[in-house]
């Protein structure tokens, strides 16, 4: 995990260069591909590739959404915006663990990966629908 977080600054620069909308969409696409791959591969190499793709998408998405949250915040309250994001982001891991654990219980591991793929697809669809808003200047 620490290797991925060392990539966050590099991936954050890509977000600055290519735009928030494209960066968020790319993060979702990387995670979608990884989840589809991990639900179909049966060897170590495939699992490693899926893991790398997933964590690259995660790092790209987290750095981009943090930058978006801070630049859209009231300049006098950016610390509060960053603190809110910093609390909400790890909280999503807890909620996600509940969802994935429930999915495993109901549908098995392959079903869980397919549920996560559907969640990522919804996120990608939302990002594409809101792409113009993500491109607009900070408020």
N, C-alpha and C. Protein backbone atom coordinates (compact mmCIF):
# COMPACT_ATOMS: atom_id res chain seq x y z
N UNK A 1 0.82 -1.18 0.00
CA UNK A 1 0.00 0.00 0.00
C UNK A 1 0.87 1.25 0.00
N UNK A 2 2.01 1.21 0.68
CA UNK A 2 2.86 2.41 0.73
C UNK A 2 3.44 2.74 -0.63
N UNK A 3 3.67 1.72 -1.47
CA UNK A 3 4.17 1.97 -2.82
C UNK A 3 3.15 2.78 -3.60
N UNK A 4 1.87 2.45 -3.45
CA UNK A 4 0.81 3.18 -4.15
C UNK A 4 0.75 4.62 -3.68
N UNK A 5 0.82 4.84 -2.38
CA UNK A 5 0.73 6.20 -1.88
C UNK A 5 1.95 7.03 -2.25
N UNK A 6 3.09 6.38 -2.54
CA UNK A 6 4.22 7.15 -3.04
C UNK A 6 3.98 7.58 -4.49
N UNK A 7 3.04 6.93 -5.18
CA UNK A 7 2.69 7.32 -6.55
C UNK A 7 1.66 8.45 -6.58
N UNK A 8 1.01 8.75 -5.46
CA UNK A 8 -0.04 9.77 -5.42
C UNK A 8 0.45 11.12 -5.92
N UNK A 9 1.64 11.62 -5.49
CA UNK A 9 2.07 12.92 -6.01
C UNK A 9 2.23 12.93 -7.53
N UNK A 10 2.78 11.87 -8.09
CA UNK A 10 2.94 11.78 -9.55
C UNK A 10 1.57 11.75 -10.23
N UNK A 11 0.67 10.95 -9.71
CA UNK A 11 -0.66 10.86 -10.30
C UNK A 11 -1.45 12.15 -10.09
N UNK A 12 -1.20 12.84 -9.00
CA UNK A 12 -1.84 14.13 -8.77
C UNK A 12 -1.41 15.15 -9.81
N UNK A 13 -0.16 15.08 -10.23
CA UNK A 13 0.32 15.99 -11.29
C UNK A 13 -0.40 15.70 -12.61
N UNK A 14 -0.68 14.42 -12.87
CA UNK A 14 -1.43 14.07 -14.08
C UNK A 14 -2.82 14.70 -14.04
N UNK A 15 -3.41 14.72 -12.86
CA UNK A 15 -4.72 15.35 -12.70
C UNK A 15 -4.66 16.83 -13.04
N UNK A 16 -3.59 17.50 -12.63
CA UNK A 16 -3.42 18.92 -12.94
C UNK A 16 -3.24 19.12 -14.45
N UNK A 17 -2.55 18.20 -15.09
CA UNK A 17 -2.25 18.33 -16.51
C UNK A 17 -3.45 17.99 -17.39
N UNK A 18 -4.16 16.89 -17.09
CA UNK A 18 -5.22 16.41 -17.95
C UNK A 18 -6.62 16.83 -17.53
N UNK A 19 -6.76 17.37 -16.34
CA UNK A 19 -8.06 17.82 -15.87
C UNK A 19 -8.67 16.83 -14.90
N UNK A 20 -9.52 17.38 -14.02
CA UNK A 20 -10.14 16.57 -12.98
C UNK A 20 -11.10 15.54 -13.58
N UNK A 21 -11.87 15.95 -14.59
CA UNK A 21 -12.85 15.03 -15.17
C UNK A 21 -12.18 13.80 -15.78
N UNK A 22 -11.16 14.00 -16.56
CA UNK A 22 -10.47 12.87 -17.20
C UNK A 22 -9.73 12.01 -16.18
N UNK A 23 -9.17 12.65 -15.17
CA UNK A 23 -8.43 11.90 -14.15
C UNK A 23 -9.35 11.02 -13.32
N UNK A 24 -10.50 11.57 -12.94
CA UNK A 24 -11.45 10.77 -12.16
C UNK A 24 -11.98 9.62 -13.02
N UNK A 25 -12.31 9.91 -14.27
CA UNK A 25 -12.79 8.86 -15.17
C UNK A 25 -11.71 7.79 -15.37
N UNK A 26 -10.46 8.20 -15.53
CA UNK A 26 -9.37 7.23 -15.70
C UNK A 26 -9.22 6.35 -14.47
N UNK A 27 -9.36 6.95 -13.29
CA UNK A 27 -9.29 6.15 -12.06
C UNK A 27 -10.38 5.10 -12.01
N UNK A 28 -11.61 5.49 -12.37
CA UNK A 28 -12.70 4.52 -12.40
C UNK A 28 -12.45 3.43 -13.44
N UNK A 29 -11.94 3.81 -14.60
CA UNK A 29 -11.68 2.82 -15.66
C UNK A 29 -10.62 1.83 -15.20
N UNK A 30 -9.54 2.32 -14.62
CA UNK A 30 -8.49 1.41 -14.12
C UNK A 30 -9.06 0.44 -13.10
N UNK A 31 -9.89 0.92 -12.20
CA UNK A 31 -10.47 0.04 -11.19
C UNK A 31 -11.47 -0.94 -11.80
N UNK A 32 -12.25 -0.48 -12.78
CA UNK A 32 -13.19 -1.38 -13.46
C UNK A 32 -12.45 -2.52 -14.15
N UNK A 33 -11.41 -2.18 -14.90
CA UNK A 33 -10.62 -3.20 -15.60
C UNK A 33 -10.02 -4.18 -14.60
N UNK A 34 -9.49 -3.64 -13.51
CA UNK A 34 -8.88 -4.50 -12.49
C UNK A 34 -9.89 -5.46 -11.88
N UNK A 35 -11.08 -4.96 -11.57
CA UNK A 35 -12.09 -5.83 -10.96
C UNK A 35 -12.58 -6.89 -11.93
N UNK A 36 -12.74 -6.54 -13.19
CA UNK A 36 -13.12 -7.55 -14.18
C UNK A 36 -12.01 -8.58 -14.36
N UNK A 37 -10.77 -8.10 -14.36
CA UNK A 37 -9.62 -9.00 -14.51
C UNK A 37 -9.50 -9.95 -13.33
N UNK A 38 -9.62 -9.42 -12.13
CA UNK A 38 -9.44 -10.26 -10.95
C UNK A 38 -10.55 -11.32 -10.82
N UNK A 39 -11.72 -11.03 -11.40
CA UNK A 39 -12.79 -12.02 -11.32
C UNK A 39 -12.67 -13.09 -12.39
N UNK A 40 -11.70 -12.94 -13.31
CA UNK A 40 -11.55 -13.93 -14.38
C UNK A 40 -10.21 -14.65 -14.39
N UNK A 41 -9.18 -14.07 -13.82
CA UNK A 41 -7.85 -14.69 -13.88
C UNK A 41 -7.72 -15.80 -12.84
N UNK A 42 -6.81 -16.71 -13.13
CA UNK A 42 -6.57 -17.83 -12.21
C UNK A 42 -5.08 -18.05 -11.98
N UNK A 43 -4.28 -16.99 -12.16
CA UNK A 43 -2.84 -17.15 -11.93
C UNK A 43 -2.29 -15.93 -11.20
N UNK A 44 -1.10 -16.10 -10.67
CA UNK A 44 -0.48 -15.06 -9.86
C UNK A 44 -0.20 -13.79 -10.67
N UNK A 45 0.29 -13.93 -11.88
CA UNK A 45 0.60 -12.77 -12.71
C UNK A 45 -0.65 -11.92 -12.94
N UNK A 46 -1.76 -12.56 -13.26
CA UNK A 46 -3.01 -11.84 -13.48
C UNK A 46 -3.47 -11.11 -12.24
N UNK A 47 -3.31 -11.75 -11.08
CA UNK A 47 -3.69 -11.12 -9.81
C UNK A 47 -2.82 -9.91 -9.52
N UNK A 48 -1.53 -10.02 -9.81
CA UNK A 48 -0.62 -8.90 -9.57
C UNK A 48 -0.98 -7.74 -10.49
N UNK A 49 -1.22 -8.02 -11.76
CA UNK A 49 -1.59 -6.97 -12.71
C UNK A 49 -2.90 -6.31 -12.26
N UNK A 50 -3.87 -7.12 -11.85
CA UNK A 50 -5.15 -6.57 -11.38
C UNK A 50 -4.94 -5.68 -10.16
N UNK A 51 -4.11 -6.13 -9.23
CA UNK A 51 -3.83 -5.34 -8.04
C UNK A 51 -3.16 -4.02 -8.36
N UNK A 52 -2.20 -4.04 -9.28
CA UNK A 52 -1.51 -2.81 -9.67
C UNK A 52 -2.49 -1.84 -10.33
N UNK A 53 -3.31 -2.34 -11.25
CA UNK A 53 -4.28 -1.47 -11.92
C UNK A 53 -5.27 -0.87 -10.92
N UNK A 54 -5.75 -1.72 -9.99
CA UNK A 54 -6.72 -1.23 -9.02
C UNK A 54 -6.14 -0.13 -8.15
N UNK A 55 -4.94 -0.36 -7.65
CA UNK A 55 -4.34 0.63 -6.75
C UNK A 55 -3.91 1.89 -7.49
N UNK A 56 -3.52 1.77 -8.77
CA UNK A 56 -3.24 2.98 -9.55
C UNK A 56 -4.52 3.80 -9.72
N UNK A 57 -5.63 3.13 -9.99
CA UNK A 57 -6.91 3.82 -10.10
C UNK A 57 -7.31 4.46 -8.79
N UNK A 58 -7.07 3.75 -7.70
CA UNK A 58 -7.38 4.28 -6.37
C UNK A 58 -6.53 5.51 -6.08
N UNK A 59 -5.25 5.44 -6.34
CA UNK A 59 -4.35 6.57 -6.07
C UNK A 59 -4.71 7.76 -6.93
N UNK A 60 -5.01 7.52 -8.20
CA UNK A 60 -5.39 8.61 -9.09
C UNK A 60 -6.70 9.25 -8.65
N UNK A 61 -7.66 8.42 -8.30
CA UNK A 61 -8.96 8.94 -7.87
C UNK A 61 -8.88 9.69 -6.55
N UNK A 62 -8.13 9.16 -5.60
CA UNK A 62 -8.07 9.82 -4.29
C UNK A 62 -7.32 11.14 -4.37
N UNK A 63 -6.23 11.19 -5.11
CA UNK A 63 -5.50 12.46 -5.22
C UNK A 63 -6.32 13.50 -5.97
N UNK A 64 -7.04 13.07 -6.98
CA UNK A 64 -7.85 14.01 -7.77
C UNK A 64 -9.03 14.52 -6.97
N UNK A 65 -9.72 13.64 -6.25
CA UNK A 65 -10.87 14.10 -5.48
C UNK A 65 -10.45 14.99 -4.31
N UNK A 66 -9.30 14.73 -3.72
CA UNK A 66 -8.80 15.62 -2.67
C UNK A 66 -8.51 17.00 -3.26
N UNK A 67 -7.83 17.04 -4.40
CA UNK A 67 -7.54 18.33 -5.03
C UNK A 67 -8.83 19.06 -5.39
N UNK A 68 -9.80 18.33 -5.88
CA UNK A 68 -11.09 18.92 -6.25
C UNK A 68 -11.80 19.49 -5.02
N UNK A 69 -11.78 18.74 -3.93
CA UNK A 69 -12.43 19.20 -2.70
C UNK A 69 -11.78 20.47 -2.17
N UNK A 70 -10.47 20.52 -2.18
CA UNK A 70 -9.77 21.68 -1.64
C UNK A 70 -9.93 22.89 -2.55
N UNK A 71 -9.84 22.71 -3.87
CA UNK A 71 -9.96 23.87 -4.75
C UNK A 71 -11.39 24.40 -4.83
N UNK A 72 -12.38 23.58 -4.57
CA UNK A 72 -13.77 24.03 -4.61
C UNK A 72 -14.23 24.62 -3.28
N UNK A 73 -13.45 24.42 -2.25
CA UNK A 73 -13.83 24.92 -0.93
C UNK A 73 -13.65 26.44 -0.84
N UNK A 74 -14.40 27.03 0.06
CA UNK A 74 -14.23 28.45 0.37
C UNK A 74 -12.77 28.64 0.82
N UNK A 75 -12.05 29.57 0.22
CA UNK A 75 -10.64 29.76 0.57
C UNK A 75 -10.39 29.97 2.06
N UNK A 76 -11.36 30.53 2.77
CA UNK A 76 -11.20 30.75 4.21
C UNK A 76 -11.45 29.47 5.00
N UNK A 77 -11.94 28.43 4.35
CA UNK A 77 -12.29 27.19 5.06
C UNK A 77 -11.68 25.95 4.43
N UNK A 78 -10.56 26.12 3.75
CA UNK A 78 -9.93 24.98 3.07
C UNK A 78 -9.44 23.93 4.06
N UNK A 79 -9.00 24.35 5.21
CA UNK A 79 -8.56 23.38 6.22
C UNK A 79 -9.72 22.49 6.66
N UNK A 80 -10.88 23.09 6.83
CA UNK A 80 -12.07 22.31 7.21
C UNK A 80 -12.45 21.35 6.10
N UNK A 81 -12.37 21.80 4.84
CA UNK A 81 -12.69 20.92 3.71
C UNK A 81 -11.73 19.75 3.66
N UNK A 82 -10.45 20.01 3.85
CA UNK A 82 -9.46 18.93 3.82
C UNK A 82 -9.67 17.98 4.99
N UNK A 83 -9.99 18.51 6.15
CA UNK A 83 -10.25 17.66 7.32
C UNK A 83 -11.48 16.79 7.09
N UNK A 84 -12.52 17.35 6.51
CA UNK A 84 -13.74 16.58 6.22
C UNK A 84 -13.43 15.46 5.25
N UNK A 85 -12.69 15.79 4.19
CA UNK A 85 -12.30 14.77 3.21
C UNK A 85 -11.44 13.69 3.89
N UNK A 86 -10.50 14.13 4.71
CA UNK A 86 -9.58 13.19 5.36
C UNK A 86 -10.30 12.24 6.32
N UNK A 87 -11.44 12.65 6.87
CA UNK A 87 -12.24 11.77 7.72
C UNK A 87 -13.16 10.90 6.88
N UNK A 88 -13.78 11.49 5.86
CA UNK A 88 -14.75 10.76 5.05
C UNK A 88 -14.10 9.68 4.20
N UNK A 89 -12.91 9.92 3.69
CA UNK A 89 -12.27 8.94 2.81
C UNK A 89 -12.02 7.61 3.51
N UNK A 90 -11.37 7.59 4.69
CA UNK A 90 -11.20 6.30 5.38
C UNK A 90 -12.53 5.71 5.86
N UNK A 91 -13.50 6.57 6.16
CA UNK A 91 -14.82 6.07 6.55
C UNK A 91 -15.44 5.26 5.41
N UNK A 92 -15.15 5.66 4.19
CA UNK A 92 -15.67 4.92 3.03
C UNK A 92 -15.11 3.50 2.99
N UNK A 93 -13.92 3.30 3.51
CA UNK A 93 -13.37 1.94 3.57
C UNK A 93 -14.21 1.07 4.51
N UNK A 94 -14.66 1.65 5.60
CA UNK A 94 -15.51 0.89 6.53
C UNK A 94 -16.85 0.55 5.91
N UNK A 95 -17.46 1.51 5.25
CA UNK A 95 -18.74 1.26 4.58
C UNK A 95 -18.54 0.25 3.45
N UNK A 96 -17.45 0.42 2.70
CA UNK A 96 -17.14 -0.52 1.62
C UNK A 96 -16.91 -1.93 2.13
N UNK A 97 -16.28 -2.06 3.29
CA UNK A 97 -16.05 -3.38 3.88
C UNK A 97 -17.38 -4.05 4.24
N UNK A 98 -18.31 -3.27 4.74
CA UNK A 98 -19.64 -3.80 5.04
C UNK A 98 -20.33 -4.29 3.77
N UNK A 99 -20.26 -3.48 2.72
CA UNK A 99 -20.90 -3.85 1.44
C UNK A 99 -20.24 -5.10 0.85
N UNK A 100 -18.91 -5.12 0.81
CA UNK A 100 -18.24 -6.27 0.21
C UNK A 100 -18.41 -7.53 1.05
N UNK A 101 -18.39 -7.40 2.35
CA UNK A 101 -18.63 -8.57 3.21
C UNK A 101 -20.02 -9.13 3.00
N UNK A 102 -21.00 -8.25 2.89
CA UNK A 102 -22.36 -8.70 2.63
C UNK A 102 -22.48 -9.35 1.26
N UNK A 103 -21.78 -8.78 0.28
CA UNK A 103 -21.82 -9.36 -1.07
C UNK A 103 -21.19 -10.75 -1.10
N UNK A 104 -20.10 -10.95 -0.36
CA UNK A 104 -19.47 -12.27 -0.29
C UNK A 104 -20.44 -13.27 0.34
N UNK A 105 -21.09 -12.84 1.40
CA UNK A 105 -22.04 -13.71 2.09
C UNK A 105 -23.19 -14.12 1.17
N UNK A 106 -23.67 -13.19 0.36
CA UNK A 106 -24.82 -13.45 -0.50
C UNK A 106 -24.46 -14.10 -1.83
N UNK A 107 -23.32 -13.70 -2.43
CA UNK A 107 -23.04 -14.11 -3.81
C UNK A 107 -21.67 -14.74 -4.01
N UNK A 108 -20.89 -14.89 -2.95
CA UNK A 108 -19.55 -15.45 -3.11
C UNK A 108 -18.56 -14.38 -3.57
N UNK A 109 -17.31 -14.79 -3.71
CA UNK A 109 -16.27 -13.82 -4.05
C UNK A 109 -16.41 -13.28 -5.46
N UNK A 110 -16.74 -14.12 -6.42
CA UNK A 110 -16.92 -13.62 -7.78
C UNK A 110 -18.07 -12.61 -7.82
N UNK A 111 -19.15 -12.92 -7.12
CA UNK A 111 -20.27 -11.99 -7.04
C UNK A 111 -19.88 -10.68 -6.40
N UNK A 112 -19.02 -10.74 -5.38
CA UNK A 112 -18.55 -9.53 -4.73
C UNK A 112 -17.80 -8.65 -5.71
N UNK A 113 -16.90 -9.26 -6.49
CA UNK A 113 -16.15 -8.47 -7.47
C UNK A 113 -17.08 -7.88 -8.52
N UNK A 114 -18.12 -8.59 -8.88
CA UNK A 114 -19.08 -8.06 -9.85
C UNK A 114 -19.90 -6.92 -9.24
N UNK A 115 -20.24 -7.02 -7.97
CA UNK A 115 -20.93 -5.91 -7.29
C UNK A 115 -20.03 -4.68 -7.26
N UNK A 116 -18.77 -4.88 -6.92
CA UNK A 116 -17.83 -3.75 -6.91
C UNK A 116 -17.64 -3.16 -8.31
N UNK A 117 -17.66 -4.03 -9.32
CA UNK A 117 -17.56 -3.54 -10.69
C UNK A 117 -18.77 -2.67 -11.02
N UNK A 118 -19.95 -3.07 -10.58
CA UNK A 118 -21.16 -2.27 -10.82
C UNK A 118 -21.06 -0.93 -10.09
N UNK A 119 -20.54 -0.92 -8.88
CA UNK A 119 -20.37 0.34 -8.13
C UNK A 119 -19.41 1.26 -8.87
N UNK A 120 -18.31 0.70 -9.36
CA UNK A 120 -17.34 1.50 -10.13
C UNK A 120 -17.97 2.03 -11.41
N UNK A 121 -18.78 1.21 -12.07
CA UNK A 121 -19.45 1.64 -13.30
C UNK A 121 -20.41 2.79 -13.02
N UNK A 122 -21.11 2.73 -11.90
CA UNK A 122 -21.99 3.84 -11.51
C UNK A 122 -21.18 5.11 -11.25
N UNK A 123 -20.06 4.96 -10.58
CA UNK A 123 -19.19 6.11 -10.34
C UNK A 123 -18.67 6.70 -11.64
N UNK A 124 -18.28 5.85 -12.58
CA UNK A 124 -17.81 6.32 -13.87
C UNK A 124 -18.93 7.04 -14.62
N UNK A 125 -20.12 6.47 -14.61
CA UNK A 125 -21.26 7.11 -15.28
C UNK A 125 -21.53 8.49 -14.67
N UNK A 126 -21.51 8.58 -13.35
CA UNK A 126 -21.73 9.86 -12.68
C UNK A 126 -20.64 10.86 -13.05
N UNK A 127 -19.39 10.41 -13.07
CA UNK A 127 -18.28 11.30 -13.43
C UNK A 127 -18.42 11.80 -14.87
N UNK A 128 -18.85 10.92 -15.77
CA UNK A 128 -19.03 11.34 -17.16
C UNK A 128 -20.19 12.32 -17.30
N UNK A 129 -21.26 12.08 -16.57
CA UNK A 129 -22.41 12.99 -16.61
C UNK A 129 -22.02 14.37 -16.06
N UNK A 130 -21.21 14.38 -15.03
CA UNK A 130 -20.81 15.63 -14.37
C UNK A 130 -19.47 16.17 -14.89
N UNK A 131 -18.98 15.65 -16.02
CA UNK A 131 -17.66 16.05 -16.52
C UNK A 131 -17.53 17.56 -16.70
N UNK A 132 -18.55 18.20 -17.22
CA UNK A 132 -18.48 19.65 -17.43
C UNK A 132 -18.32 20.39 -16.10
N UNK A 133 -19.02 19.93 -15.07
CA UNK A 133 -18.88 20.55 -13.75
C UNK A 133 -17.49 20.32 -13.16
N UNK A 134 -16.91 19.16 -13.44
CA UNK A 134 -15.58 18.86 -12.92
C UNK A 134 -14.51 19.68 -13.63
N UNK A 135 -14.77 20.07 -14.88
CA UNK A 135 -13.83 20.88 -15.65
C UNK A 135 -13.89 22.36 -15.28
N UNK A 136 -15.02 22.81 -14.76
CA UNK A 136 -15.18 24.24 -14.50
C UNK A 136 -14.19 24.70 -13.44
N UNK A 137 -13.94 25.98 -13.46
CA UNK A 137 -12.97 26.58 -12.54
C UNK A 137 -13.41 26.40 -11.09
N UNK A 138 -12.44 26.44 -10.21
CA UNK A 138 -12.74 26.37 -8.77
C UNK A 138 -13.61 27.54 -8.38
N UNK A 139 -14.51 27.29 -7.43
CA UNK A 139 -15.45 28.33 -6.98
C UNK A 139 -14.82 29.21 -5.93
